[in-house]
N, C-alpha and C. Protein backbone atom coordinates (compact mmCIF):
# COMPACT_ATOMS: atom_id res chain seq x y z
N UNK A 1 116.24 119.69 106.73
CA UNK A 1 116.41 118.43 106.02
C UNK A 1 115.08 117.68 106.03
N UNK A 2 114.69 117.16 104.90
CA UNK A 2 113.40 116.49 104.79
C UNK A 2 113.49 115.04 105.27
N UNK A 3 112.37 114.56 105.75
CA UNK A 3 112.28 113.20 106.26
C UNK A 3 112.00 112.22 105.12
N UNK A 4 112.54 111.01 105.19
CA UNK A 4 112.22 110.01 104.17
C UNK A 4 110.73 109.67 104.14
N UNK A 5 110.03 109.90 105.25
CA UNK A 5 108.60 109.60 105.30
C UNK A 5 107.78 110.56 104.46
N UNK A 6 108.35 111.63 104.00
CA UNK A 6 107.62 112.58 103.16
C UNK A 6 107.47 112.08 101.73
N UNK A 7 108.18 111.05 101.35
CA UNK A 7 108.08 110.49 100.01
C UNK A 7 106.98 109.42 99.96
N UNK A 8 106.05 109.53 99.02
CA UNK A 8 104.96 108.54 98.93
C UNK A 8 105.45 107.12 98.65
N UNK A 9 106.55 106.99 97.93
CA UNK A 9 107.04 105.64 97.63
C UNK A 9 107.46 104.91 98.91
N UNK A 10 107.91 105.65 99.90
CA UNK A 10 108.28 105.05 101.18
C UNK A 10 107.02 104.56 101.90
N UNK A 11 105.95 105.35 101.86
CA UNK A 11 104.70 104.94 102.51
C UNK A 11 104.24 103.59 101.97
N UNK A 12 104.17 103.52 100.65
CA UNK A 12 103.65 102.30 100.03
C UNK A 12 104.68 101.18 100.05
N UNK A 13 105.95 101.51 99.95
CA UNK A 13 107.00 100.49 99.96
C UNK A 13 107.04 99.73 101.27
N UNK A 14 106.95 100.44 102.38
CA UNK A 14 106.96 99.78 103.68
C UNK A 14 105.73 98.90 103.84
N UNK A 15 104.58 99.40 103.41
CA UNK A 15 103.35 98.61 103.50
C UNK A 15 103.39 97.36 102.64
N UNK A 16 103.90 97.49 101.43
CA UNK A 16 103.96 96.35 100.52
C UNK A 16 104.95 95.30 101.03
N UNK A 17 106.10 95.75 101.49
CA UNK A 17 107.11 94.79 101.96
C UNK A 17 106.62 94.03 103.19
N UNK A 18 106.01 94.72 104.13
CA UNK A 18 105.52 94.02 105.32
C UNK A 18 104.35 93.09 104.97
N UNK A 19 103.50 93.52 104.03
CA UNK A 19 102.39 92.66 103.61
C UNK A 19 102.90 91.41 102.90
N UNK A 20 103.92 91.56 102.07
CA UNK A 20 104.50 90.39 101.40
C UNK A 20 105.13 89.42 102.40
N UNK A 21 105.79 89.96 103.39
CA UNK A 21 106.38 89.10 104.42
C UNK A 21 105.31 88.33 105.18
N UNK A 22 104.26 89.04 105.60
CA UNK A 22 103.18 88.37 106.33
C UNK A 22 102.46 87.34 105.46
N UNK A 23 102.23 87.67 104.19
CA UNK A 23 101.54 86.73 103.30
C UNK A 23 102.41 85.49 103.04
N UNK A 24 103.73 85.67 102.92
CA UNK A 24 104.59 84.51 102.68
C UNK A 24 104.63 83.60 103.91
N UNK A 25 104.61 84.17 105.10
CA UNK A 25 104.54 83.34 106.30
C UNK A 25 103.17 82.67 106.37
N UNK A 26 102.14 83.39 105.98
CA UNK A 26 100.79 82.82 105.99
C UNK A 26 100.64 81.63 105.06
N UNK A 27 101.41 81.62 103.98
CA UNK A 27 101.35 80.48 103.06
C UNK A 27 101.87 79.20 103.70
N UNK A 28 102.71 79.34 104.69
CA UNK A 28 103.27 78.17 105.37
C UNK A 28 102.31 77.59 106.40
N UNK A 29 101.30 78.36 106.76
CA UNK A 29 100.35 77.93 107.79
C UNK A 29 99.08 77.40 107.15
N UNK A 30 98.16 76.92 107.97
CA UNK A 30 96.89 76.46 107.44
C UNK A 30 95.76 76.83 108.39
N UNK A 31 94.57 76.79 107.86
CA UNK A 31 93.38 77.04 108.67
C UNK A 31 93.22 78.48 109.08
N UNK A 32 92.79 78.66 110.31
CA UNK A 32 92.48 79.98 110.82
C UNK A 32 93.71 80.87 110.91
N UNK A 33 94.85 80.30 111.26
CA UNK A 33 96.08 81.10 111.36
C UNK A 33 96.45 81.70 110.00
N UNK A 34 96.25 80.96 108.94
CA UNK A 34 96.53 81.48 107.60
C UNK A 34 95.63 82.67 107.29
N UNK A 35 94.37 82.56 107.62
CA UNK A 35 93.44 83.67 107.38
C UNK A 35 93.79 84.88 108.22
N UNK A 36 94.23 84.66 109.45
CA UNK A 36 94.64 85.78 110.31
C UNK A 36 95.84 86.49 109.70
N UNK A 37 96.82 85.73 109.23
CA UNK A 37 98.00 86.35 108.62
C UNK A 37 97.63 87.11 107.35
N UNK A 38 96.76 86.56 106.54
CA UNK A 38 96.33 87.26 105.33
C UNK A 38 95.55 88.52 105.66
N UNK A 39 94.74 88.47 106.72
CA UNK A 39 94.01 89.65 107.15
C UNK A 39 94.94 90.75 107.63
N UNK A 40 95.94 90.38 108.40
CA UNK A 40 96.92 91.38 108.87
C UNK A 40 97.70 91.93 107.69
N UNK A 41 98.03 91.10 106.71
CA UNK A 41 98.73 91.56 105.53
C UNK A 41 97.89 92.57 104.74
N UNK A 42 96.60 92.31 104.62
CA UNK A 42 95.72 93.25 103.93
C UNK A 42 95.62 94.56 104.70
N UNK A 43 95.56 94.47 106.02
CA UNK A 43 95.53 95.66 106.86
C UNK A 43 96.80 96.49 106.66
N UNK A 44 97.94 95.83 106.64
CA UNK A 44 99.22 96.51 106.43
C UNK A 44 99.25 97.19 105.07
N UNK A 45 98.73 96.53 104.07
CA UNK A 45 98.76 97.06 102.71
C UNK A 45 97.85 98.27 102.54
N UNK A 46 96.73 98.29 103.25
CA UNK A 46 95.75 99.36 103.07
C UNK A 46 95.96 100.50 104.08
N UNK A 47 96.16 100.17 105.35
CA UNK A 47 96.13 101.18 106.40
C UNK A 47 97.51 101.78 106.70
N UNK A 48 98.56 100.99 106.64
CA UNK A 48 99.89 101.48 107.01
C UNK A 48 100.34 102.70 106.19
N UNK A 49 100.13 102.75 104.87
CA UNK A 49 100.52 103.96 104.14
C UNK A 49 99.79 105.21 104.61
N UNK A 50 98.53 105.06 105.00
CA UNK A 50 97.78 106.21 105.51
C UNK A 50 98.32 106.69 106.85
N UNK A 51 98.70 105.75 107.70
CA UNK A 51 99.29 106.11 108.99
C UNK A 51 100.62 106.82 108.79
N UNK A 52 101.45 106.30 107.90
CA UNK A 52 102.75 106.92 107.65
C UNK A 52 102.60 108.30 107.03
N UNK A 53 101.59 108.48 106.19
CA UNK A 53 101.33 109.79 105.61
C UNK A 53 100.95 110.80 106.69
N UNK A 54 100.14 110.36 107.64
CA UNK A 54 99.74 111.23 108.75
C UNK A 54 100.95 111.58 109.63
N UNK A 55 101.79 110.62 109.89
CA UNK A 55 102.99 110.85 110.69
C UNK A 55 103.92 111.84 109.98
N UNK A 56 104.08 111.67 108.68
CA UNK A 56 104.94 112.58 107.93
C UNK A 56 104.37 114.00 107.92
N UNK A 57 103.07 114.13 107.84
CA UNK A 57 102.45 115.45 107.86
C UNK A 57 102.62 116.10 109.23
N UNK A 58 102.55 115.32 110.28
CA UNK A 58 102.76 115.84 111.63
C UNK A 58 104.20 116.24 111.87
N UNK A 59 105.13 115.46 111.31
CA UNK A 59 106.55 115.78 111.47
C UNK A 59 106.93 117.01 110.67
N UNK A 60 106.24 117.25 109.56
CA UNK A 60 106.55 118.41 108.73
C UNK A 60 106.12 119.71 109.39
N UNK A 61 105.10 119.65 110.24
CA UNK A 61 104.63 120.87 110.89
C UNK A 61 105.44 121.21 112.13
N UNK A 62 106.19 120.24 112.67
CA UNK A 62 107.02 120.51 113.86
C UNK A 62 108.26 121.28 113.53
C-alpha cells in the first residue's frame, strides 16, 4: 500500500497550509515577532516539501 506522502500535492499542500496559518497569525502581531512569523512561514513554504519528499523516498525503500 502506498503512502500519502508519495504524492507531490501532499508535500506542497502541507507546506502551503502551515505557511498560511503562520502568516495569518503573523498579521495579528507587530514588529519583530511579525517578521519572525513571516520568516518561519517562508521556511515552511520552501523547505518542508523537500523534507517530506525525502521522507517519502526513505519510506518507499523500506
